[in-house]
């Protein structure tokens, strides 16, 4: 059933997707930034695992946090100008109240190139 569902919030992700590290796909629609210490979020138009050709466009996007990285000064601008519009693969690690912490990859763009510092020793339960 979940294979046909378009996820738009972290709470919709099934627990077994998190436990088994199921890789999902989608298109980055925008980058959301907020004042304070909050990290930038990728707003992703999630493509269901099966039947993505039949999906209906929704204005609501899944908020994705790039896990275990710190975005550098120009990183947000780079994400907004290079990554927006790209198709990505994301592996959920943890569902937070406001976002989904994920490992994010792309075949067309190196997501981590020049924008982040990897935090060593960061684990999720």
PDB file of N, CA and C in Angstrom:
ATOM      1  N   UNK A   1       0.819  -1.197   0.000  1.00  0.00           N
ATOM      2  CA  UNK A   1       0.000   0.000   0.000  1.00  0.00           C
ATOM      3  C   UNK A   1       0.864   1.264   0.000  1.00  0.00           C
ATOM      4  N   UNK A   2       1.936   1.301   0.846  1.00  0.00           N
ATOM      5  CA  UNK A   2       2.786   2.478   0.946  1.00  0.00           C
ATOM      6  C   UNK A   2       3.581   2.717  -0.326  1.00  0.00           C
ATOM      7  N   UNK A   3       3.706   1.686  -1.170  1.00  0.00           N
ATOM      8  CA  UNK A   3       4.466   1.824  -2.404  1.00  0.00           C
ATOM      9  C   UNK A   3       3.801   2.811  -3.360  1.00  0.00           C
ATOM     10  N   UNK A   4       2.500   3.017  -3.222  1.00  0.00           N
ATOM     11  CA  UNK A   4       1.752   3.902  -4.104  1.00  0.00           C
ATOM     12  C   UNK A   4       1.495   5.271  -3.476  1.00  0.00           C
ATOM     13  N   UNK A   5       1.879   5.452  -2.205  1.00  0.00           N
ATOM     14  CA  UNK A   5       1.580   6.679  -1.465  1.00  0.00           C
ATOM     15  C   UNK A   5       2.638   7.744  -1.680  1.00  0.00           C
ATOM     16  N   UNK A   6       2.181   8.964  -1.859  1.00  0.00           N
ATOM     17  CA  UNK A   6       3.071  10.113  -1.943  1.00  0.00           C
ATOM     18  C   UNK A   6       3.173  10.712  -0.545  1.00  0.00           C
ATOM     19  N   UNK A   7       4.372  10.690   0.041  1.00  0.00           N
ATOM     20  CA  UNK A   7       4.572  11.202   1.387  1.00  0.00           C
ATOM     21  C   UNK A   7       4.765  12.712   1.350  1.00  0.00           C
ATOM     22  N   UNK A   8       4.071  13.414   2.259  1.00  0.00           N
ATOM     23  CA  UNK A   8       4.195  14.870   2.337  1.00  0.00           C
ATOM     24  C   UNK A   8       4.552  15.349   3.736  1.00  0.00           C
ATOM     25  N   UNK A   9       4.646  14.428   4.705  1.00  0.00           N
ATOM     26  CA  UNK A   9       5.064  14.817   6.061  1.00  0.00           C
ATOM     27  C   UNK A   9       5.866  13.666   6.681  1.00  0.00           C
ATOM     28  N   UNK A  10       6.769  13.985   7.609  1.00  0.00           N
ATOM     29  CA  UNK A  10       7.585  12.947   8.239  1.00  0.00           C
ATOM     30  C   UNK A  10       6.759  11.882   8.965  1.00  0.00           C
ATOM     31  N   UNK A  11       5.618  12.283   9.497  1.00  0.00           N
ATOM     32  CA  UNK A  11       4.779  11.343  10.241  1.00  0.00           C
ATOM     33  C   UNK A  11       4.157  10.274   9.346  1.00  0.00           C
ATOM     34  N   UNK A  12       4.113  10.492   8.043  1.00  0.00           N
ATOM     35  CA  UNK A  12       3.541   9.512   7.111  1.00  0.00           C
ATOM     36  C   UNK A  12       4.501   8.381   6.771  1.00  0.00           C
ATOM     37  N   UNK A  13       5.787   8.546   7.055  1.00  0.00           N
ATOM     38  CA  UNK A  13       6.780   7.529   6.715  1.00  0.00           C
ATOM     39  C   UNK A  13       6.596   6.332   7.633  1.00  0.00           C
ATOM     40  N   UNK A  14       6.368   5.142   7.070  1.00  0.00           N
ATOM     41  CA  UNK A  14       6.187   3.950   7.910  1.00  0.00           C
ATOM     42  C   UNK A  14       7.461   3.625   8.699  1.00  0.00           C
ATOM     43  N   UNK A  15       7.284   3.148   9.907  1.00  0.00           N
ATOM     44  CA  UNK A  15       8.415   2.801  10.771  1.00  0.00           C
ATOM     45  C   UNK A  15       9.354   1.817  10.099  1.00  0.00           C
ATOM     46  N   UNK A  16       8.797   0.845   9.376  1.00  0.00           N
ATOM     47  CA  UNK A  16       9.671  -0.155   8.743  1.00  0.00           C
ATOM     48  C   UNK A  16      10.519   0.444   7.619  1.00  0.00           C
ATOM     49  N   UNK A  17      10.104   1.568   7.027  1.00  0.00           N
ATOM     50  CA  UNK A  17      10.940   2.260   6.037  1.00  0.00           C
ATOM     51  C   UNK A  17      12.186   2.819   6.731  1.00  0.00           C
ATOM     52  N   UNK A  18      12.002   3.348   7.945  1.00  0.00           N
ATOM     53  CA  UNK A  18      13.123   3.878   8.718  1.00  0.00           C
ATOM     54  C   UNK A  18      14.042   2.744   9.181  1.00  0.00           C
ATOM     55  N   UNK A  19      13.464   1.676   9.674  1.00  0.00           N
ATOM     56  CA  UNK A  19      14.248   0.548  10.185  1.00  0.00           C
ATOM     57  C   UNK A  19      15.055  -0.153   9.097  1.00  0.00           C
ATOM     58  N   UNK A  20      14.470  -0.265   7.908  1.00  0.00           N
ATOM     59  CA  UNK A  20      15.130  -0.973   6.802  1.00  0.00           C
ATOM     60  C   UNK A  20      15.875  -0.034   5.852  1.00  0.00           C
ATOM     61  N   UNK A  21      15.857   1.261   6.150  1.00  0.00           N
ATOM     62  CA  UNK A  21      16.546   2.272   5.330  1.00  0.00           C
ATOM     63  C   UNK A  21      16.126   2.185   3.864  1.00  0.00           C
ATOM     64  N   UNK A  22      14.825   2.219   3.646  1.00  0.00           N
ATOM     65  CA  UNK A  22      14.264   2.178   2.296  1.00  0.00           C
ATOM     66  C   UNK A  22      14.581   3.493   1.583  1.00  0.00           C
ATOM     67  N   UNK A  23      15.199   3.414   0.411  1.00  0.00           N
ATOM     68  CA  UNK A  23      15.539   4.610  -0.350  1.00  0.00           C
ATOM     69  C   UNK A  23      14.333   5.088  -1.140  1.00  0.00           C
ATOM     70  N   UNK A  24      14.044   6.379  -1.029  1.00  0.00           N
ATOM     71  CA  UNK A  24      12.930   7.011  -1.724  1.00  0.00           C
ATOM     72  C   UNK A  24      13.481   7.994  -2.753  1.00  0.00           C
ATOM     73  N   UNK A  25      12.630   8.420  -3.668  1.00  0.00           N
ATOM     74  CA  UNK A  25      13.064   9.373  -4.687  1.00  0.00           C
ATOM     75  C   UNK A  25      12.105  10.556  -4.740  1.00  0.00           C
ATOM     76  N   UNK A  26      12.588  11.651  -5.312  1.00  0.00           N
ATOM     77  CA  UNK A  26      11.756  12.831  -5.469  1.00  0.00           C
ATOM     78  C   UNK A  26      12.520  13.939  -6.150  1.00  0.00           C
ATOM     79  N   UNK A  27      11.852  15.053  -6.309  1.00  0.00           N
ATOM     80  CA  UNK A  27      12.439  16.223  -6.964  1.00  0.00           C
ATOM     81  C   UNK A  27      12.470  17.374  -5.971  1.00  0.00           C
ATOM     82  N   UNK A  28      13.620  18.038  -5.841  1.00  0.00           N
ATOM     83  CA  UNK A  28      13.750  19.176  -4.934  1.00  0.00           C
ATOM     84  C   UNK A  28      13.015  20.364  -5.551  1.00  0.00           C
ATOM     85  N   UNK A  29      12.005  20.859  -4.833  1.00  0.00           N
ATOM     86  CA  UNK A  29      11.185  21.973  -5.307  1.00  0.00           C
ATOM     87  C   UNK A  29      11.755  23.304  -4.820  1.00  0.00           C
ATOM     88  N   UNK A  30      12.237  23.312  -3.579  1.00  0.00           N
ATOM     89  CA  UNK A  30      12.825  24.539  -3.028  1.00  0.00           C
ATOM     90  C   UNK A  30      13.657  24.206  -1.794  1.00  0.00           C
ATOM     91  N   UNK A  31      14.348  25.223  -1.294  1.00  0.00           N
ATOM     92  CA  UNK A  31      15.125  25.108  -0.067  1.00  0.00           C
ATOM     93  C   UNK A  31      14.521  26.078   0.932  1.00  0.00           C
ATOM     94  N   UNK A  32      14.173  25.569   2.112  1.00  0.00           N
ATOM     95  CA  UNK A  32      13.562  26.400   3.146  1.00  0.00           C
ATOM     96  C   UNK A  32      14.607  26.733   4.197  1.00  0.00           C
ATOM     97  N   UNK A  33      14.725  28.000   4.490  1.00  0.00           N
ATOM     98  CA  UNK A  33      15.618  28.432   5.553  1.00  0.00           C
ATOM     99  C   UNK A  33      14.800  29.170   6.597  1.00  0.00           C
ATOM    100  N   UNK A  34      15.263  29.085   7.827  1.00  0.00           N
ATOM    101  CA  UNK A  34      14.574  29.806   8.896  1.00  0.00           C
ATOM    102  C   UNK A  34      15.613  30.487   9.770  1.00  0.00           C
ATOM    103  N   UNK A  35      15.177  31.515  10.465  1.00  0.00           N
ATOM    104  CA  UNK A  35      16.081  32.230  11.357  1.00  0.00           C
ATOM    105  C   UNK A  35      16.435  31.338  12.539  1.00  0.00           C
ATOM    106  N   UNK A  36      17.586  31.558  13.103  1.00  0.00           N
ATOM    107  CA  UNK A  36      18.001  30.763  14.247  1.00  0.00           C
ATOM    108  C   UNK A  36      18.922  29.639  13.845  1.00  0.00           C
ATOM    109  N   UNK A  37      18.976  28.635  14.671  1.00  0.00           N
ATOM    110  CA  UNK A  37      19.926  27.539  14.482  1.00  0.00           C
ATOM    111  C   UNK A  37      19.383  26.404  13.619  1.00  0.00           C
ATOM    112  N   UNK A  38      18.174  26.523  13.130  1.00  0.00           N
ATOM    113  CA  UNK A  38      17.595  25.444  12.329  1.00  0.00           C
ATOM    114  C   UNK A  38      18.358  25.255  11.025  1.00  0.00           C
ATOM    115  N   UNK A  39      18.635  23.999  10.655  1.00  0.00           N
ATOM    116  CA  UNK A  39      19.323  23.764   9.379  1.00  0.00           C
ATOM    117  C   UNK A  39      18.362  23.972   8.207  1.00  0.00           C
ATOM    118  N   UNK A  40      18.900  24.270   7.033  1.00  0.00           N
ATOM    119  CA  UNK A  40      18.022  24.402   5.859  1.00  0.00           C
ATOM    120  C   UNK A  40      17.396  23.056   5.520  1.00  0.00           C
ATOM    121  N   UNK A  41      16.200  23.113   4.955  1.00  0.00           N
ATOM    122  CA  UNK A  41      15.481  21.899   4.575  1.00  0.00           C
ATOM    123  C   UNK A  41      15.274  21.887   3.069  1.00  0.00           C
ATOM    124  N   UNK A  42      15.411  20.720   2.470  1.00  0.00           N
ATOM    125  CA  UNK A  42      15.037  20.526   1.075  1.00  0.00           C
ATOM    126  C   UNK A  42      13.561  20.198   1.056  1.00  0.00           C
ATOM    127  N   UNK A  43      12.768  20.920   0.295  1.00  0.00           N
ATOM    128  CA  UNK A  43      11.347  20.598   0.150  1.00  0.00           C
ATOM    129  C   UNK A  43      11.239  19.738  -1.104  1.00  0.00           C
ATOM    130  N   UNK A  44      10.839  18.479  -0.886  1.00  0.00           N
ATOM    131  CA  UNK A  44      10.913  17.455  -1.927  1.00  0.00           C
ATOM    132  C   UNK A  44       9.525  16.995  -2.349  1.00  0.00           C
ATOM    133  N   UNK A  45       9.304  16.980  -3.649  1.00  0.00           N
ATOM    134  CA  UNK A  45       8.098  16.387  -4.237  1.00  0.00           C
ATOM    135  C   UNK A  45       8.387  14.896  -4.348  1.00  0.00           C
ATOM    136  N   UNK A  46       7.922  14.131  -3.356  1.00  0.00           N
ATOM    137  CA  UNK A  46       8.207  12.700  -3.284  1.00  0.00           C
ATOM    138  C   UNK A  46       7.529  11.936  -4.419  1.00  0.00           C
ATOM    139  N   UNK A  47       8.268  11.012  -5.033  1.00  0.00           N
ATOM    140  CA  UNK A  47       7.719  10.122  -6.054  1.00  0.00           C
ATOM    141  C   UNK A  47       7.473   8.767  -5.413  1.00  0.00           C
ATOM    142  N   UNK A  48       6.242   8.265  -5.413  1.00  0.00           N
ATOM    143  CA  UNK A  48       5.975   6.942  -4.843  1.00  0.00           C
ATOM    144  C   UNK A  48       6.857   5.874  -5.492  1.00  0.00           C
ATOM    145  N   UNK A  49       7.128   4.801  -4.746  1.00  0.00           N
ATOM    146  CA  UNK A  49       7.998   3.729  -5.227  1.00  0.00           C
ATOM    147  C   UNK A  49       7.437   3.102  -6.492  1.00  0.00           C
ATOM    148  N   UNK A  50       6.137   2.858  -6.515  1.00  0.00           N
ATOM    149  CA  UNK A  50       5.479   2.255  -7.676  1.00  0.00           C
ATOM    150  C   UNK A  50       4.446   3.237  -8.215  1.00  0.00           C
ATOM    151  N   UNK A  51       4.377   3.348  -9.514  1.00  0.00           N
ATOM    152  CA  UNK A  51       3.331   4.152 -10.133  1.00  0.00           C
ATOM    153  C   UNK A  51       3.587   5.638 -10.115  1.00  0.00           C
ATOM    154  N   UNK A  52       4.862   6.052 -10.121  1.00  0.00           N
ATOM    155  CA  UNK A  52       5.130   7.488 -10.064  1.00  0.00           C
ATOM    156  C   UNK A  52       4.625   8.221 -11.289  1.00  0.00           C
ATOM    157  N   UNK A  53       4.474   7.508 -12.417  1.00  0.00           N
ATOM    158  CA  UNK A  53       3.946   8.170 -13.606  1.00  0.00           C
ATOM    159  C   UNK A  53       2.493   8.583 -13.397  1.00  0.00           C
ATOM    160  N   UNK A  54       1.807   7.887 -12.523  1.00  0.00           N
ATOM    161  CA  UNK A  54       0.397   8.162 -12.277  1.00  0.00           C
ATOM    162  C   UNK A  54       0.173   9.168 -11.149  1.00  0.00           C
ATOM    163  N   UNK A  55       1.250   9.625 -10.526  1.00  0.00           N
ATOM    164  CA  UNK A  55       1.109  10.503  -9.365  1.00  0.00           C
ATOM    165  C   UNK A  55       0.488  11.835  -9.768  1.00  0.00           C
ATOM    166  N   UNK A  56      -0.240  12.362  -8.837  1.00  0.00           N
ATOM    167  CA  UNK A  56      -0.820  13.673  -9.071  1.00  0.00           C
ATOM    168  C   UNK A  56       0.028  14.697  -8.338  1.00  0.00           C
ATOM    169  N   UNK A  57       0.235  15.812  -8.957  1.00  0.00           N
ATOM    170  CA  UNK A  57       1.052  16.849  -8.349  1.00  0.00           C
ATOM    171  C   UNK A  57       0.324  17.421  -7.133  1.00  0.00           C
ATOM    172  N   UNK A  58       1.091  17.640  -6.091  1.00  0.00           N
ATOM    173  CA  UNK A  58       0.549  18.211  -4.872  1.00  0.00           C
ATOM    174  C   UNK A  58       1.393  19.425  -4.511  1.00  0.00           C
ATOM    175  N   UNK A  59       0.775  20.429  -3.957  1.00  0.00           N
ATOM    176  CA  UNK A  59       1.510  21.622  -3.563  1.00  0.00           C
ATOM    177  C   UNK A  59       2.323  21.368  -2.296  1.00  0.00           C
ATOM    178  N   UNK A  60       1.964  20.351  -1.523  1.00  0.00           N
ATOM    179  CA  UNK A  60       2.655  20.063  -0.267  1.00  0.00           C
ATOM    180  C   UNK A  60       3.858  19.163  -0.537  1.00  0.00           C
ATOM    181  N   UNK A  61       5.011  19.561   0.012  1.00  0.00           N
ATOM    182  CA  UNK A  61       6.247  18.814  -0.198  1.00  0.00           C
ATOM    183  C   UNK A  61       6.762  18.244   1.120  1.00  0.00           C
ATOM    184  N   UNK A  62       7.555  17.211   1.014  1.00  0.00           N
ATOM    185  CA  UNK A  62       8.162  16.553   2.166  1.00  0.00           C
ATOM    186  C   UNK A  62       9.412  17.331   2.577  1.00  0.00           C
ATOM    187  N   UNK A  63       9.487  17.811   3.839  1.00  0.00           N
ATOM    188  CA  UNK A  63      10.676  18.534   4.296  1.00  0.00           C
ATOM    189  C   UNK A  63      11.795  17.551   4.662  1.00  0.00           C
ATOM    190  N   UNK A  64      12.927  17.661   3.965  1.00  0.00           N
ATOM    191  CA  UNK A  64      14.047  16.736   4.154  1.00  0.00           C
ATOM    192  C   UNK A  64      15.262  17.493   4.676  1.00  0.00           C
ATOM    193  N   UNK A  65      15.810  16.985   5.768  1.00  0.00           N
ATOM    194  CA  UNK A  65      17.036  17.531   6.365  1.00  0.00           C
ATOM    195  C   UNK A  65      18.186  16.633   5.933  1.00  0.00           C
ATOM    196  N   UNK A  66      19.263  17.237   5.392  1.00  0.00           N
ATOM    197  CA  UNK A  66      20.440  16.450   5.019  1.00  0.00           C
ATOM    198  C   UNK A  66      21.146  16.085   6.317  1.00  0.00           C
ATOM    199  N   UNK A  67      21.155  14.802   6.642  1.00  0.00           N
ATOM    200  CA  UNK A  67      21.628  14.325   7.928  1.00  0.00           C
ATOM    201  C   UNK A  67      23.145  14.412   8.093  1.00  0.00           C
ATOM    202  N   UNK A  68      23.559  14.700   9.315  1.00  0.00           N
ATOM    203  CA  UNK A  68      24.957  14.663   9.764  1.00  0.00           C
ATOM    204  C   UNK A  68      25.884  15.608   9.029  1.00  0.00           C
ATOM    205  N   UNK A  69      25.363  16.726   8.555  1.00  0.00           N
ATOM    206  CA  UNK A  69      26.217  17.714   7.896  1.00  0.00           C
ATOM    207  C   UNK A  69      25.888  19.112   8.414  1.00  0.00           C
ATOM    208  N   UNK A  70      26.869  19.972   8.356  1.00  0.00           N
ATOM    209  CA  UNK A  70      26.672  21.382   8.671  1.00  0.00           C
ATOM    210  C   UNK A  70      26.818  22.144   7.362  1.00  0.00           C
ATOM    211  N   UNK A  71      25.825  22.924   7.010  1.00  0.00           N
ATOM    212  CA  UNK A  71      25.864  23.700   5.774  1.00  0.00           C
ATOM    213  C   UNK A  71      26.778  24.918   5.991  1.00  0.00           C
ATOM    214  N   UNK A  72      27.747  25.105   5.103  1.00  0.00           N
ATOM    215  CA  UNK A  72      28.678  26.230   5.198  1.00  0.00           C
ATOM    216  C   UNK A  72      28.024  27.518   4.695  1.00  0.00           C
ATOM    217  N   UNK A  73      28.736  28.632   4.807  1.00  0.00           N
ATOM    218  CA  UNK A  73      28.188  29.959   4.492  1.00  0.00           C
ATOM    219  C   UNK A  73      27.460  30.038   3.156  1.00  0.00           C
ATOM    220  N   UNK A  74      28.076  29.606   2.089  1.00  0.00           N
ATOM    221  CA  UNK A  74      27.459  29.721   0.770  1.00  0.00           C
ATOM    222  C   UNK A  74      26.649  28.487   0.386  1.00  0.00           C
ATOM    223  N   UNK A  75      26.551  27.551   1.313  1.00  0.00           N
ATOM    224  CA  UNK A  75      25.861  26.294   1.026  1.00  0.00           C
ATOM    225  C   UNK A  75      24.391  26.449   0.695  1.00  0.00           C
ATOM    226  N   UNK A  76      23.694  27.317   1.415  1.00  0.00           N
ATOM    227  CA  UNK A  76      22.262  27.512   1.156  1.00  0.00           C
ATOM    228  C   UNK A  76      22.063  28.074  -0.246  1.00  0.00           C
ATOM    229  N   UNK A  77      22.868  29.057  -0.610  1.00  0.00           N
ATOM    230  CA  UNK A  77      22.770  29.641  -1.950  1.00  0.00           C
ATOM    231  C   UNK A  77      23.051  28.586  -3.013  1.00  0.00           C
ATOM    232  N   UNK A  78      24.065  27.746  -2.773  1.00  0.00           N
ATOM    233  CA  UNK A  78      24.401  26.684  -3.725  1.00  0.00           C
ATOM    234  C   UNK A  78      23.240  25.711  -3.863  1.00  0.00           C
ATOM    235  N   UNK A  79      22.638  25.330  -2.727  1.00  0.00           N
ATOM    236  CA  UNK A  79      21.482  24.424  -2.774  1.00  0.00           C
ATOM    237  C   UNK A  79      20.354  25.055  -3.585  1.00  0.00           C
ATOM    238  N   UNK A  80      20.087  26.334  -3.356  1.00  0.00           N
ATOM    239  CA  UNK A  80      18.985  27.014  -4.042  1.00  0.00           C
ATOM    240  C   UNK A  80      19.218  27.135  -5.543  1.00  0.00           C
ATOM    241  N   UNK A  81      20.451  27.326  -5.962  1.00  0.00           N
ATOM    242  CA  UNK A  81      20.735  27.549  -7.376  1.00  0.00           C
ATOM    243  C   UNK A  81      21.097  26.289  -8.153  1.00  0.00           C
ATOM    244  N   UNK A  82      21.624  25.269  -7.470  1.00  0.00           N
ATOM    245  CA  UNK A  82      22.094  24.077  -8.181  1.00  0.00           C
ATOM    246  C   UNK A  82      21.204  22.856  -7.935  1.00  0.00           C
ATOM    247  N   UNK A  83      20.773  22.667  -6.699  1.00  0.00           N
ATOM    248  CA  UNK A  83      20.039  21.451  -6.351  1.00  0.00           C
ATOM    249  C   UNK A  83      18.539  21.560  -6.633  1.00  0.00           C
ATOM    250  N   UNK A  84      17.973  22.747  -6.483  1.00  0.00           N
ATOM    251  CA  UNK A  84      16.534  22.922  -6.760  1.00  0.00           C
ATOM    252  C   UNK A  84      16.265  22.516  -8.212  1.00  0.00           C
ATOM    253  N   UNK A  85      15.263  21.675  -8.389  1.00  0.00           N
ATOM    254  CA  UNK A  85      14.922  21.163  -9.713  1.00  0.00           C
ATOM    255  C   UNK A  85      15.543  19.816 -10.015  1.00  0.00           C
ATOM    256  N   UNK A  86      16.463  19.357  -9.152  1.00  0.00           N
ATOM    257  CA  UNK A  86      17.136  18.074  -9.367  1.00  0.00           C
ATOM    258  C   UNK A  86      16.344  16.925  -8.759  1.00  0.00           C
ATOM    259  N   UNK A  87      16.420  15.774  -9.401  1.00  0.00           N
ATOM    260  CA  UNK A  87      15.873  14.555  -8.824  1.00  0.00           C
ATOM    261  C   UNK A  87      16.901  14.002  -7.856  1.00  0.00           C
ATOM    262  N   UNK A  88      16.426  13.565  -6.684  1.00  0.00           N
ATOM    263  CA  UNK A  88      17.310  13.030  -5.661  1.00  0.00           C
ATOM    264  C   UNK A  88      16.807  11.681  -5.173  1.00  0.00           C
ATOM    265  N   UNK A  89      17.706  10.987  -4.504  1.00  0.00           N
ATOM    266  CA  UNK A  89      17.373   9.777  -3.762  1.00  0.00           C
ATOM    267  C   UNK A  89      17.640  10.114  -2.307  1.00  0.00           C
ATOM    268  N   UNK A  90      16.744   9.728  -1.419  1.00  0.00           N
ATOM    269  CA  UNK A  90      16.950  10.020  -0.003  1.00  0.00           C
ATOM    270  C   UNK A  90      16.555   8.809   0.836  1.00  0.00           C
ATOM    271  N   UNK A  91      17.426   8.505   1.791  1.00  0.00           N
ATOM    272  CA  UNK A  91      17.225   7.365   2.675  1.00  0.00           C
ATOM    273  C   UNK A  91      16.886   7.903   4.057  1.00  0.00           C
ATOM    274  N   UNK A  92      15.646   7.712   4.500  1.00  0.00           N
ATOM    275  CA  UNK A  92      15.238   8.233   5.811  1.00  0.00           C
ATOM    276  C   UNK A  92      15.960   7.522   6.956  1.00  0.00           C
ATOM    277  N   UNK A  93      16.450   8.329   7.899  1.00  0.00           N
ATOM    278  CA  UNK A  93      17.096   7.797   9.098  1.00  0.00           C
ATOM    279  C   UNK A  93      16.251   8.026  10.338  1.00  0.00           C
ATOM    280  N   UNK A  94      15.577   9.178  10.371  1.00  0.00           N
ATOM    281  CA  UNK A  94      14.784   9.535  11.548  1.00  0.00           C
ATOM    282  C   UNK A  94      13.679  10.505  11.152  1.00  0.00           C
ATOM    283  N   UNK A  95      12.486  10.255  11.655  1.00  0.00           N
ATOM    284  CA  UNK A  95      11.361  11.166  11.435  1.00  0.00           C
ATOM    285  C   UNK A  95      11.287  12.127  12.611  1.00  0.00           C
ATOM    286  N   UNK A  96      11.540  13.392  12.357  1.00  0.00           N
ATOM    287  CA  UNK A  96      11.444  14.441  13.365  1.00  0.00           C
ATOM    288  C   UNK A  96      10.071  15.099  13.231  1.00  0.00           C
ATOM    289  N   UNK A  97       9.653  15.873  14.226  1.00  0.00           N
ATOM    290  CA  UNK A  97       8.333  16.510  14.112  1.00  0.00           C
ATOM    291  C   UNK A  97       8.187  17.403  12.874  1.00  0.00           C
ATOM    292  N   UNK A  98       9.252  18.128  12.502  1.00  0.00           N
ATOM    293  CA  UNK A  98       9.160  19.090  11.407  1.00  0.00           C
ATOM    294  C   UNK A  98       9.855  18.671  10.118  1.00  0.00           C
ATOM    295  N   UNK A  99      10.680  17.614  10.174  1.00  0.00           N
ATOM    296  CA  UNK A  99      11.428  17.205   8.984  1.00  0.00           C
ATOM    297  C   UNK A  99      11.841  15.742   9.071  1.00  0.00           C
ATOM    298  N   UNK A 100      12.328  15.235   7.953  1.00  0.00           N
ATOM    299  CA  UNK A 100      12.806  13.870   7.858  1.00  0.00           C
ATOM    300  C   UNK A 100      14.318  13.925   7.669  1.00  0.00           C
ATOM    301  N   UNK A 101      15.088  13.383   8.632  1.00  0.00           N
ATOM    302  CA  UNK A 101      16.549  13.360   8.511  1.00  0.00           C
ATOM    303  C   UNK A 101      16.930  12.225   7.583  1.00  0.00           C
ATOM    304  N   UNK A 102      17.706  12.560   6.537  1.00  0.00           N
ATOM    305  CA  UNK A 102      18.003  11.586   5.487  1.00  0.00           C
ATOM    306  C   UNK A 102      19.437  11.683   4.993  1.00  0.00           C
ATOM    307  N   UNK A 103      19.907  10.587   4.411  1.00  0.00           N
ATOM    308  CA  UNK A 103      21.094  10.599   3.576  1.00  0.00           C
ATOM    309  C   UNK A 103      20.573  10.957   2.192  1.00  0.00           C
ATOM    310  N   UNK A 104      21.143  11.980   1.564  1.00  0.00           N
ATOM    311  CA  UNK A 104      20.642  12.482   0.287  1.00  0.00           C
ATOM    312  C   UNK A 104      21.705  12.309  -0.786  1.00  0.00           C
ATOM    313  N   UNK A 105      21.295  11.735  -1.934  1.00  0.00           N
ATOM    314  CA  UNK A 105      22.210  11.579  -3.068  1.00  0.00           C
ATOM    315  C   UNK A 105      21.498  11.992  -4.355  1.00  0.00           C
ATOM    316  N   UNK A 106      22.322  12.294  -5.361  1.00  0.00           N
ATOM    317  CA  UNK A 106      21.803  12.656  -6.669  1.00  0.00           C
ATOM    318  C   UNK A 106      22.766  12.161  -7.725  1.00  0.00           C
ATOM    319  N   UNK A 107      22.243  11.712  -8.859  1.00  0.00           N
ATOM    320  CA  UNK A 107      23.098  11.285  -9.959  1.00  0.00           C
ATOM    321  C   UNK A 107      23.612  12.474 -10.751  1.00  0.00           C
ATOM    322  N   UNK A 108      22.911  13.589 -10.699  1.00  0.00           N
ATOM    323  CA  UNK A 108      23.287  14.737 -11.526  1.00  0.00           C
ATOM    324  C   UNK A 108      24.076  15.793 -10.776  1.00  0.00           C
ATOM    325  N   UNK A 109      23.967  15.824  -9.439  1.00  0.00           N
ATOM    326  CA  UNK A 109      24.618  16.853  -8.635  1.00  0.00           C
ATOM    327  C   UNK A 109      25.277  16.196  -7.436  1.00  0.00           C
ATOM    328  N   UNK A 110      26.488  16.596  -7.113  1.00  0.00           N
ATOM    329  CA  UNK A 110      27.141  16.138  -5.897  1.00  0.00           C
ATOM    330  C   UNK A 110      26.625  16.999  -4.751  1.00  0.00           C
ATOM    331  N   UNK A 111      25.705  16.464  -3.964  1.00  0.00           N
ATOM    332  CA  UNK A 111      25.044  17.222  -2.903  1.00  0.00           C
ATOM    333  C   UNK A 111      26.050  17.731  -1.873  1.00  0.00           C
ATOM    334  N   UNK A 112      27.039  16.941  -1.539  1.00  0.00           N
ATOM    335  CA  UNK A 112      27.967  17.319  -0.489  1.00  0.00           C
ATOM    336  C   UNK A 112      29.159  18.121  -0.982  1.00  0.00           C
ATOM    337  N   UNK A 113      29.325  18.285  -2.264  1.00  0.00           N
ATOM    338  CA  UNK A 113      30.501  18.956  -2.810  1.00  0.00           C
ATOM    339  C   UNK A 113      30.565  20.429  -2.407  1.00  0.00           C
ATOM    340  N   UNK A 114      31.539  20.753  -1.578  1.00  0.00           N
ATOM    341  CA  UNK A 114      31.825  22.148  -1.266  1.00  0.00           C
ATOM    342  C   UNK A 114      30.848  22.873  -0.373  1.00  0.00           C
ATOM    343  N   UNK A 115      29.802  22.208   0.135  1.00  0.00           N
ATOM    344  CA  UNK A 115      28.835  22.962   0.931  1.00  0.00           C
ATOM    345  C   UNK A 115      28.754  22.513   2.369  1.00  0.00           C
ATOM    346  N   UNK A 116      29.360  21.383   2.691  1.00  0.00           N
ATOM    347  CA  UNK A 116      29.119  20.831   4.011  1.00  0.00           C
ATOM    348  C   UNK A 116      30.386  20.332   4.674  1.00  0.00           C
ATOM    349  N   UNK A 117      30.294  20.183   5.974  1.00  0.00           N
ATOM    350  CA  UNK A 117      31.296  19.515   6.769  1.00  0.00           C
ATOM    351  C   UNK A 117      30.592  18.351   7.436  1.00  0.00           C
ATOM    352  N   UNK A 118      31.121  17.155   7.260  1.00  0.00           N
ATOM    353  CA  UNK A 118      30.485  15.969   7.842  1.00  0.00           C
ATOM    354  C   UNK A 118      30.775  15.921   9.325  1.00  0.00           C
ATOM    355  N   UNK A 119      29.741  15.702  10.129  1.00  0.00           N
ATOM    356  CA  UNK A 119      29.884  15.548  11.572  1.00  0.00           C
ATOM    357  C   UNK A 119      30.173  14.093  11.868  1.00  0.00           C
ATOM    358  N   UNK A 120      31.306  13.803  12.407  1.00  0.00           N
ATOM    359  CA  UNK A 120      31.700  12.432  12.724  1.00  0.00           C
ATOM    360  C   UNK A 120      31.050  11.985  14.044  1.00  0.00           C
ATOM    361  N   UNK A 121      30.732  10.705  14.099  1.00  0.00           N
ATOM    362  CA  UNK A 121      30.213  10.128  15.332  1.00  0.00           C
ATOM    363  C   UNK A 121      28.760  10.408  15.609  1.00  0.00           C
ATOM    364  N   UNK A 122      28.044  10.984  14.670  1.00  0.00           N
ATOM    365  CA  UNK A 122      26.622  11.287  14.867  1.00  0.00           C
ATOM    366  C   UNK A 122      25.812  10.039  14.544  1.00  0.00           C
ATOM    367  N   UNK A 123      24.995   9.577  15.471  1.00  0.00           N
ATOM    368  CA  UNK A 123      24.202   8.378  15.255  1.00  0.00           C
ATOM    369  C   UNK A 123      22.733   8.662  15.481  1.00  0.00           C
ATOM    370  N   UNK A 124      21.912   7.811  14.898  1.00  0.00           N
ATOM    371  CA  UNK A 124      20.458   7.920  15.060  1.00  0.00           C
ATOM    372  C   UNK A 124      19.947   6.610  15.593  1.00  0.00           C
ATOM    373  N   UNK A 125      18.959   6.682  16.446  1.00  0.00           N
ATOM    374  CA  UNK A 125      18.342   5.446  16.962  1.00  0.00           C
ATOM    375  C   UNK A 125      16.933   5.327  16.478  1.00  0.00           C
TER     376      UNK A 125
END
